Amino acid sequence: MRQIASCFSLGALALAALASGSRVDGEGFGRWETSLDSCQLEHRSATGLRLPNQDCQRLRLDQNIEGLLTARFLAPGQEMVFAGSLASGQRPMRCNNDGACKPEWPTQLIVQTAADAGLDGRGLPGSMPSARLAQGHCELQKRVIQCQALAADGEEWRAKSTL
């Protein structure tokens, strides 16, 4: 049920971006990925149980439609994902025809969905991500990326990294 609600939420975000006149051509979507100098992931369950903190090594920003952005923090055996729309006045990533993008610094993301998933030895999800509707934000600066999100029941996700 959570996955259905999250898919609906992301679909609604995509429709809102289309309605607002965002470009949806070959240059409006793609990915940017980099290694991180330091990174800390923190996840707290709705019951207050703090799950083990994890160090991550990579950050991936995905832009499927201009105005929508996903920040994915990758750690051995785990990923934490923050998805949402750019804050008012923020510029989308600049992407070329082959899908390679460059972020516009600084950028603020209004988070509407947070997720975490276990990864297998090849870095592929071992199961469906545990996606949740959540409220939060990401601050993306040239050297520091910070994200936090909170679900209605108190489940919380935090990530802080330096490039």
N, C-alpha and C. Protein backbone atom coordinates (compact mmCIF):
# COMPACT_ATOMS: atom_id res chain seq x y z
N MET A 1 0.82 -1.19 0.00
CA MET A 1 0.00 0.00 0.00
C MET A 1 0.87 1.26 0.00
N ARG A 2 1.97 1.22 0.78
CA ARG A 2 2.88 2.38 0.80
C ARG A 2 3.42 2.66 -0.59
N GLN A 3 3.82 1.59 -1.33
CA GLN A 3 4.38 1.78 -2.65
C GLN A 3 3.36 2.40 -3.59
N ILE A 4 2.10 1.99 -3.50
CA ILE A 4 1.05 2.55 -4.35
C ILE A 4 0.88 4.03 -4.06
N ALA A 5 0.85 4.40 -2.78
CA ALA A 5 0.70 5.81 -2.41
C ALA A 5 1.89 6.62 -2.89
N SER A 6 3.09 6.06 -2.79
CA SER A 6 4.28 6.78 -3.24
C SER A 6 4.30 6.93 -4.74
N CYS A 7 3.91 5.88 -5.48
CA CYS A 7 3.84 5.97 -6.93
C CYS A 7 2.81 7.01 -7.33
N PHE A 8 1.66 7.05 -6.64
CA PHE A 8 0.64 8.04 -6.91
C PHE A 8 1.20 9.43 -6.66
N SER A 9 1.93 9.60 -5.56
CA SER A 9 2.51 10.89 -5.22
C SER A 9 3.50 11.35 -6.29
N LEU A 10 4.39 10.46 -6.73
CA LEU A 10 5.36 10.83 -7.75
C LEU A 10 4.67 11.11 -9.08
N GLY A 11 3.61 10.34 -9.39
CA GLY A 11 2.83 10.59 -10.61
C GLY A 11 2.17 11.95 -10.55
N ALA A 12 1.63 12.31 -9.40
CA ALA A 12 1.02 13.62 -9.23
C ALA A 12 2.05 14.73 -9.39
N LEU A 13 3.26 14.50 -8.88
CA LEU A 13 4.33 15.49 -9.06
C LEU A 13 4.66 15.68 -10.53
N ALA A 14 4.72 14.57 -11.28
CA ALA A 14 5.02 14.65 -12.71
C ALA A 14 3.94 15.40 -13.45
N LEU A 15 2.67 15.14 -13.13
CA LEU A 15 1.58 15.85 -13.79
C LEU A 15 1.61 17.33 -13.46
N ALA A 16 1.94 17.67 -12.22
CA ALA A 16 2.03 19.08 -11.84
C ALA A 16 3.14 19.78 -12.61
N ALA A 17 4.27 19.10 -12.79
CA ALA A 17 5.38 19.70 -13.55
C ALA A 17 4.98 19.90 -15.00
N LEU A 18 4.27 18.93 -15.58
CA LEU A 18 3.82 19.07 -16.96
C LEU A 18 2.84 20.22 -17.10
N ALA A 19 1.92 20.33 -16.15
CA ALA A 19 0.92 21.39 -16.20
C ALA A 19 1.55 22.77 -16.04
N SER A 20 2.68 22.85 -15.34
CA SER A 20 3.32 24.13 -15.12
C SER A 20 4.18 24.56 -16.30
N GLY A 21 4.24 23.74 -17.34
CA GLY A 21 4.98 24.12 -18.54
C GLY A 21 6.42 23.69 -18.54
N SER A 22 6.83 22.79 -17.67
CA SER A 22 8.21 22.32 -17.66
C SER A 22 8.52 21.58 -18.96
N ARG A 23 9.74 21.71 -19.44
CA ARG A 23 10.16 21.01 -20.66
C ARG A 23 10.22 19.53 -20.40
N VAL A 24 9.83 18.75 -21.40
CA VAL A 24 9.92 17.30 -21.29
C VAL A 24 10.59 16.77 -22.56
N ASP A 25 11.59 17.47 -23.07
CA ASP A 25 12.29 16.99 -24.25
C ASP A 25 13.53 16.21 -23.83
N GLY A 26 14.34 15.80 -24.80
CA GLY A 26 15.49 14.97 -24.53
C GLY A 26 16.55 15.65 -23.68
N GLU A 27 16.49 16.96 -23.55
CA GLU A 27 17.51 17.65 -22.77
C GLU A 27 17.07 17.97 -21.36
N GLY A 28 15.86 17.61 -20.96
CA GLY A 28 15.37 17.98 -19.65
C GLY A 28 15.51 16.90 -18.60
N PHE A 29 16.06 15.75 -18.97
CA PHE A 29 16.18 14.69 -17.98
C PHE A 29 17.54 14.03 -18.07
N GLY A 30 17.92 13.39 -16.97
CA GLY A 30 19.20 12.70 -16.93
C GLY A 30 19.67 12.50 -15.51
N ARG A 31 20.99 12.31 -15.38
CA ARG A 31 21.56 11.92 -14.09
C ARG A 31 22.93 12.57 -13.91
N TRP A 32 23.25 12.83 -12.63
CA TRP A 32 24.57 13.27 -12.22
C TRP A 32 24.96 12.42 -11.02
N GLU A 33 26.17 11.89 -11.02
CA GLU A 33 26.63 11.04 -9.93
C GLU A 33 28.06 11.38 -9.56
N THR A 34 28.36 11.30 -8.26
CA THR A 34 29.71 11.62 -7.80
C THR A 34 30.06 10.80 -6.56
N SER A 35 31.35 10.67 -6.32
CA SER A 35 31.85 10.08 -5.07
C SER A 35 31.78 11.13 -3.98
N LEU A 36 31.68 10.67 -2.74
CA LEU A 36 31.58 11.58 -1.61
C LEU A 36 32.81 11.48 -0.73
N ASP A 37 33.25 12.61 -0.18
CA ASP A 37 34.36 12.61 0.77
C ASP A 37 33.90 12.04 2.12
N SER A 38 32.69 12.42 2.52
CA SER A 38 32.12 11.88 3.75
C SER A 38 30.61 11.85 3.59
N CYS A 39 29.98 10.95 4.33
CA CYS A 39 28.53 10.83 4.24
C CYS A 39 28.01 10.03 5.42
N GLN A 40 26.91 10.47 5.98
CA GLN A 40 26.29 9.76 7.10
C GLN A 40 24.80 9.67 6.85
N LEU A 41 24.26 8.45 6.92
CA LEU A 41 22.82 8.20 6.77
C LEU A 41 22.25 7.83 8.13
N GLU A 42 21.08 8.36 8.43
CA GLU A 42 20.43 8.10 9.70
C GLU A 42 18.96 7.82 9.44
N HIS A 43 18.43 6.74 10.00
CA HIS A 43 17.03 6.37 9.81
C HIS A 43 16.45 5.98 11.16
N ARG A 44 15.34 6.60 11.50
CA ARG A 44 14.67 6.31 12.77
C ARG A 44 13.26 5.83 12.44
N SER A 45 12.89 4.68 13.00
CA SER A 45 11.56 4.11 12.74
C SER A 45 10.48 4.94 13.43
N ALA A 46 9.23 4.67 13.10
CA ALA A 46 8.10 5.37 13.71
C ALA A 46 8.02 5.13 15.21
N THR A 47 8.57 4.01 15.69
CA THR A 47 8.55 3.70 17.13
C THR A 47 9.71 4.35 17.88
N GLY A 48 10.55 5.08 17.15
CA GLY A 48 11.68 5.74 17.78
C GLY A 48 12.95 4.91 17.76
N LEU A 49 12.86 3.68 17.26
CA LEU A 49 14.04 2.82 17.17
C LEU A 49 14.99 3.40 16.13
N ARG A 50 16.20 3.68 16.54
CA ARG A 50 17.21 4.20 15.62
C ARG A 50 17.89 3.03 14.94
N LEU A 51 17.77 2.97 13.63
CA LEU A 51 18.41 1.91 12.87
C LEU A 51 19.89 2.24 12.75
N PRO A 52 20.76 1.26 12.56
CA PRO A 52 22.20 1.54 12.53
C PRO A 52 22.55 2.62 11.50
N ASN A 53 23.36 3.60 11.93
CA ASN A 53 23.83 4.62 11.00
C ASN A 53 24.72 3.97 9.96
N GLN A 54 24.74 4.53 8.79
CA GLN A 54 25.50 3.96 7.68
C GLN A 54 26.33 5.04 7.02
N ASP A 55 27.54 4.71 6.65
CA ASP A 55 28.37 5.62 5.86
C ASP A 55 28.09 5.32 4.38
N CYS A 56 27.93 6.36 3.59
CA CYS A 56 27.71 6.15 2.16
C CYS A 56 28.88 6.73 1.38
N GLN A 57 29.02 6.25 0.14
CA GLN A 57 30.16 6.66 -0.67
C GLN A 57 29.78 7.44 -1.92
N ARG A 58 28.53 7.33 -2.39
CA ARG A 58 28.15 7.96 -3.65
C ARG A 58 26.83 8.70 -3.50
N LEU A 59 26.68 9.73 -4.35
CA LEU A 59 25.44 10.49 -4.44
C LEU A 59 25.03 10.51 -5.90
N ARG A 60 23.75 10.22 -6.15
CA ARG A 60 23.21 10.28 -7.51
C ARG A 60 22.01 11.21 -7.50
N LEU A 61 22.00 12.18 -8.41
CA LEU A 61 20.84 13.05 -8.60
C LEU A 61 20.19 12.65 -9.92
N ASP A 62 18.92 12.31 -9.88
CA ASP A 62 18.16 11.94 -11.07
C ASP A 62 17.09 12.99 -11.31
N GLN A 63 16.98 13.41 -12.57
CA GLN A 63 15.95 14.37 -12.98
C GLN A 63 15.20 13.74 -14.14
N ASN A 64 13.99 13.21 -13.85
CA ASN A 64 13.19 12.59 -14.90
C ASN A 64 12.36 13.61 -15.66
N ILE A 65 11.97 14.67 -14.99
CA ILE A 65 11.27 15.80 -15.58
C ILE A 65 11.82 17.04 -14.91
N GLU A 66 12.04 18.11 -15.67
CA GLU A 66 12.53 19.34 -15.05
C GLU A 66 11.58 19.75 -13.94
N GLY A 67 12.16 20.11 -12.81
CA GLY A 67 11.38 20.51 -11.66
C GLY A 67 11.21 19.40 -10.64
N LEU A 68 11.44 18.15 -11.04
CA LEU A 68 11.39 17.01 -10.13
C LEU A 68 12.79 16.46 -9.99
N LEU A 69 13.19 16.15 -8.77
CA LEU A 69 14.55 15.70 -8.53
C LEU A 69 14.55 14.60 -7.47
N THR A 70 15.44 13.64 -7.64
CA THR A 70 15.65 12.58 -6.67
C THR A 70 17.11 12.60 -6.24
N ALA A 71 17.35 12.66 -4.93
CA ALA A 71 18.70 12.58 -4.37
C ALA A 71 18.83 11.18 -3.76
N ARG A 72 19.77 10.40 -4.29
CA ARG A 72 19.96 9.01 -3.87
C ARG A 72 21.35 8.87 -3.27
N PHE A 73 21.40 8.49 -1.99
CA PHE A 73 22.66 8.28 -1.27
C PHE A 73 22.92 6.78 -1.26
N LEU A 74 24.07 6.36 -1.79
CA LEU A 74 24.39 4.94 -1.95
C LEU A 74 25.48 4.51 -0.97
N ALA A 75 25.17 3.46 -0.21
CA ALA A 75 26.09 2.88 0.76
C ALA A 75 26.20 1.39 0.47
N PRO A 76 27.22 0.71 0.98
CA PRO A 76 27.30 -0.74 0.77
C PRO A 76 26.05 -1.43 1.33
N GLY A 77 25.30 -2.07 0.47
CA GLY A 77 24.12 -2.81 0.89
C GLY A 77 22.89 -1.97 1.19
N GLN A 78 22.94 -0.66 0.95
CA GLN A 78 21.80 0.20 1.30
C GLN A 78 21.79 1.45 0.44
N GLU A 79 20.58 1.98 0.21
CA GLU A 79 20.42 3.29 -0.39
C GLU A 79 19.32 4.03 0.34
N MET A 80 19.46 5.35 0.39
CA MET A 80 18.43 6.21 0.97
C MET A 80 18.09 7.24 -0.09
N VAL A 81 16.78 7.44 -0.31
CA VAL A 81 16.31 8.26 -1.42
C VAL A 81 15.37 9.34 -0.91
N PHE A 82 15.57 10.57 -1.41
CA PHE A 82 14.70 11.70 -1.12
C PHE A 82 14.21 12.22 -2.48
N ALA A 83 12.89 12.28 -2.67
CA ALA A 83 12.34 12.71 -3.95
C ALA A 83 11.33 13.83 -3.74
N GLY A 84 11.32 14.76 -4.67
CA GLY A 84 10.36 15.85 -4.58
C GLY A 84 10.52 16.84 -5.71
N SER A 85 10.08 18.05 -5.45
CA SER A 85 10.12 19.10 -6.47
C SER A 85 11.05 20.21 -6.01
N LEU A 86 11.59 20.92 -7.00
CA LEU A 86 12.47 22.04 -6.68
C LEU A 86 11.68 23.15 -6.02
N ALA A 87 12.28 23.82 -5.06
CA ALA A 87 11.65 24.96 -4.42
C ALA A 87 11.46 26.08 -5.45
N SER A 88 10.54 26.94 -5.19
CA SER A 88 10.24 28.05 -6.08
C SER A 88 11.51 28.85 -6.41
N GLY A 89 11.71 29.13 -7.67
CA GLY A 89 12.86 29.91 -8.10
C GLY A 89 14.14 29.12 -8.32
N GLN A 90 14.14 27.82 -8.01
CA GLN A 90 15.33 26.99 -8.18
C GLN A 90 15.41 26.51 -9.63
N ARG A 91 16.62 26.40 -10.14
CA ARG A 91 16.81 25.96 -11.52
C ARG A 91 17.07 24.46 -11.57
N PRO A 92 16.48 23.78 -12.58
CA PRO A 92 16.73 22.34 -12.74
C PRO A 92 18.16 22.10 -13.20
N MET A 93 18.58 20.83 -13.13
CA MET A 93 19.91 20.48 -13.65
C MET A 93 19.92 20.72 -15.16
N ARG A 94 21.10 21.04 -15.66
CA ARG A 94 21.29 21.18 -17.11
C ARG A 94 21.72 19.83 -17.65
N CYS A 95 20.92 19.26 -18.54
CA CYS A 95 21.19 17.93 -19.08
C CYS A 95 21.35 18.01 -20.59
N ASN A 96 22.24 17.17 -21.12
CA ASN A 96 22.40 17.13 -22.57
C ASN A 96 21.69 15.90 -23.13
N ASN A 97 21.78 15.71 -24.44
CA ASN A 97 21.03 14.64 -25.11
C ASN A 97 21.41 13.24 -24.66
N ASP A 98 22.61 13.04 -24.12
CA ASP A 98 22.98 11.69 -23.68
C ASP A 98 22.61 11.43 -22.21
N GLY A 99 21.91 12.37 -21.58
CA GLY A 99 21.44 12.16 -20.21
C GLY A 99 22.41 12.58 -19.13
N ALA A 100 23.57 13.11 -19.52
CA ALA A 100 24.53 13.60 -18.53
C ALA A 100 24.09 15.00 -18.07
N CYS A 101 24.04 15.20 -16.77
CA CYS A 101 23.54 16.47 -16.22
C CYS A 101 24.60 17.14 -15.36
N LYS A 102 24.39 18.43 -15.13
CA LYS A 102 25.20 19.21 -14.20
C LYS A 102 24.26 19.97 -13.29
N PRO A 103 24.44 19.80 -11.97
CA PRO A 103 23.56 20.51 -11.03
C PRO A 103 23.78 22.02 -11.09
N GLU A 104 22.74 22.74 -10.74
CA GLU A 104 22.82 24.19 -10.56
C GLU A 104 22.94 24.41 -9.05
N TRP A 105 24.06 24.98 -8.60
CA TRP A 105 24.31 25.18 -7.18
C TRP A 105 23.95 26.60 -6.79
N PRO A 106 23.48 26.90 -5.65
CA PRO A 106 22.83 25.97 -4.73
C PRO A 106 21.40 25.68 -5.20
N THR A 107 20.84 24.59 -4.71
CA THR A 107 19.48 24.18 -5.05
C THR A 107 18.80 23.68 -3.79
N GLN A 108 17.51 23.97 -3.69
CA GLN A 108 16.72 23.45 -2.57
C GLN A 108 15.61 22.57 -3.13
N LEU A 109 15.49 21.38 -2.56
CA LEU A 109 14.48 20.40 -2.96
C LEU A 109 13.45 20.29 -1.83
N ILE A 110 12.17 20.38 -2.20
CA ILE A 110 11.09 20.15 -1.25
C ILE A 110 10.75 18.66 -1.34
N VAL A 111 11.05 17.91 -0.29
CA VAL A 111 10.89 16.45 -0.29
C VAL A 111 9.44 16.09 -0.01
N GLN A 112 8.89 15.19 -0.85
CA GLN A 112 7.54 14.67 -0.66
C GLN A 112 7.54 13.16 -0.43
N THR A 113 8.64 12.49 -0.77
CA THR A 113 8.75 11.04 -0.60
C THR A 113 10.15 10.70 -0.14
N ALA A 114 10.25 9.79 0.82
CA ALA A 114 11.55 9.27 1.26
C ALA A 114 11.48 7.75 1.19
N ALA A 115 12.63 7.14 0.93
CA ALA A 115 12.67 5.68 0.81
C ALA A 115 14.04 5.18 1.21
N ASP A 116 14.06 3.90 1.59
CA ASP A 116 15.33 3.23 1.79
C ASP A 116 15.16 1.80 1.30
N ALA A 117 16.26 1.22 0.84
CA ALA A 117 16.20 -0.15 0.31
C ALA A 117 17.52 -0.84 0.57
N GLY A 118 17.45 -2.15 0.75
CA GLY A 118 18.65 -2.96 0.82
C GLY A 118 19.11 -3.27 -0.59
N LEU A 119 20.44 -3.33 -0.79
CA LEU A 119 21.01 -3.61 -2.10
C LEU A 119 21.77 -4.93 -2.05
N ASP A 120 21.77 -5.65 -3.17
CA ASP A 120 22.54 -6.89 -3.23
C ASP A 120 24.00 -6.58 -3.55
N GLY A 121 24.82 -7.60 -3.72
CA GLY A 121 26.24 -7.44 -3.99
C GLY A 121 26.55 -6.69 -5.27
N ARG A 122 25.61 -6.65 -6.21
CA ARG A 122 25.81 -5.93 -7.48
C ARG A 122 25.32 -4.49 -7.40
N GLY A 123 24.75 -4.10 -6.24
CA GLY A 123 24.22 -2.75 -6.09
C GLY A 123 22.80 -2.60 -6.58
N LEU A 124 22.11 -3.72 -6.79
CA LEU A 124 20.72 -3.69 -7.24
C LEU A 124 19.80 -3.91 -6.05
N PRO A 125 18.60 -3.29 -6.07
CA PRO A 125 17.68 -3.47 -4.94
C PRO A 125 17.35 -4.94 -4.73
N GLY A 126 17.44 -5.40 -3.49
CA GLY A 126 17.11 -6.78 -3.14
C GLY A 126 15.62 -6.98 -2.97
N SER A 127 14.87 -5.89 -2.80
CA SER A 127 13.42 -5.95 -2.65
C SER A 127 12.87 -4.59 -3.04
N MET A 128 11.55 -4.47 -3.00
CA MET A 128 10.92 -3.18 -3.28
C MET A 128 11.38 -2.18 -2.22
N PRO A 129 11.74 -0.95 -2.64
CA PRO A 129 12.11 0.06 -1.64
C PRO A 129 10.94 0.34 -0.71
N SER A 130 11.26 0.67 0.52
CA SER A 130 10.25 1.04 1.50
C SER A 130 10.03 2.54 1.37
N ALA A 131 9.17 2.94 0.42
CA ALA A 131 8.91 4.36 0.15
C ALA A 131 7.74 4.85 0.99
N ARG A 132 7.86 6.08 1.47
CA ARG A 132 6.84 6.68 2.32
C ARG A 132 6.59 8.12 1.91
N LEU A 133 5.34 8.56 2.03
CA LEU A 133 5.05 9.98 1.90
C LEU A 133 5.67 10.65 3.10
N ALA A 134 6.37 11.73 2.86
CA ALA A 134 7.07 12.43 3.94
C ALA A 134 7.22 13.89 3.57
N GLN A 135 7.48 14.71 4.56
CA GLN A 135 7.75 16.12 4.32
C GLN A 135 9.16 16.42 4.78
N GLY A 136 9.85 17.23 3.98
CA GLY A 136 11.21 17.60 4.35
C GLY A 136 11.84 18.45 3.27
N HIS A 137 13.15 18.51 3.29
CA HIS A 137 13.88 19.30 2.30
C HIS A 137 15.30 18.79 2.15
N CYS A 138 15.90 19.15 1.04
CA CYS A 138 17.32 18.91 0.79
C CYS A 138 17.96 20.24 0.43
N GLU A 139 19.10 20.50 0.98
CA GLU A 139 19.91 21.66 0.63
C GLU A 139 21.09 21.12 -0.16
N LEU A 140 21.18 21.49 -1.42
CA LEU A 140 22.26 21.00 -2.28
C LEU A 140 23.18 22.17 -2.59
N GLN A 141 24.35 22.15 -1.98
CA GLN A 141 25.36 23.17 -2.22
C GLN A 141 26.56 22.51 -2.88
N LYS A 142 27.45 23.31 -3.39
CA LYS A 142 28.57 22.77 -4.16
C LYS A 142 29.42 21.79 -3.37
N ARG A 143 29.55 21.94 -2.08
CA ARG A 143 30.40 21.07 -1.26
C ARG A 143 29.65 20.25 -0.21
N VAL A 144 28.41 20.65 0.13
CA VAL A 144 27.65 19.96 1.18
C VAL A 144 26.23 19.69 0.69
N ILE A 145 25.77 18.47 0.89
CA ILE A 145 24.40 18.07 0.55
C ILE A 145 23.77 17.54 1.84
N GLN A 146 22.64 18.12 2.25
CA GLN A 146 21.94 17.67 3.44
C GLN A 146 20.47 17.46 3.11
N CYS A 147 19.92 16.34 3.54
CA CYS A 147 18.50 16.04 3.34
C CYS A 147 17.90 15.53 4.64
N GLN A 148 16.63 15.83 4.84
CA GLN A 148 15.90 15.29 5.98
C GLN A 148 14.43 15.20 5.57
N ALA A 149 13.75 14.17 6.09
CA ALA A 149 12.33 13.99 5.82
C ALA A 149 11.69 13.32 7.02
N LEU A 150 10.40 13.61 7.23
CA LEU A 150 9.65 13.08 8.35
C LEU A 150 8.28 12.63 7.86
N ALA A 151 7.91 11.38 8.12
CA ALA A 151 6.59 10.86 7.77
C ALA A 151 5.60 11.24 8.87
N ALA A 152 4.32 11.17 8.56
CA ALA A 152 3.27 11.56 9.50
C ALA A 152 3.32 10.75 10.80
N ASP A 153 3.77 9.49 10.71
CA ASP A 153 3.81 8.63 11.91
C ASP A 153 5.10 8.77 12.71
N GLY A 154 6.00 9.66 12.29
CA GLY A 154 7.23 9.90 13.04
C GLY A 154 8.48 9.24 12.47
N GLU A 155 8.34 8.40 11.42
CA GLU A 155 9.53 7.82 10.81
C GLU A 155 10.35 8.95 10.20
N GLU A 156 11.68 8.85 10.36
CA GLU A 156 12.55 9.96 9.97
C GLU A 156 13.77 9.46 9.21
N TRP A 157 14.19 10.23 8.19
CA TRP A 157 15.38 9.95 7.40
C TRP A 157 16.24 11.20 7.37
N ARG A 158 17.56 11.01 7.49
CA ARG A 158 18.53 12.13 7.40
C ARG A 158 19.77 11.64 6.66
N ALA A 159 20.30 12.53 5.85
CA ALA A 159 21.56 12.27 5.16
C ALA A 159 22.36 13.57 5.12
N LYS A 160 23.65 13.44 5.37
CA LYS A 160 24.54 14.61 5.29
C LYS A 160 25.82 14.13 4.63
N SER A 161 26.26 14.86 3.61
CA SER A 161 27.46 14.47 2.89
C SER A 161 28.28 15.68 2.47
N THR A 162 29.56 15.44 2.24
CA THR A 162 30.43 16.46 1.68
C THR A 162 31.07 15.91 0.42
N LEU A 163 31.21 16.79 -0.55
CA LEU A 163 31.82 16.42 -1.84
C LEU A 163 33.30 16.72 -1.81
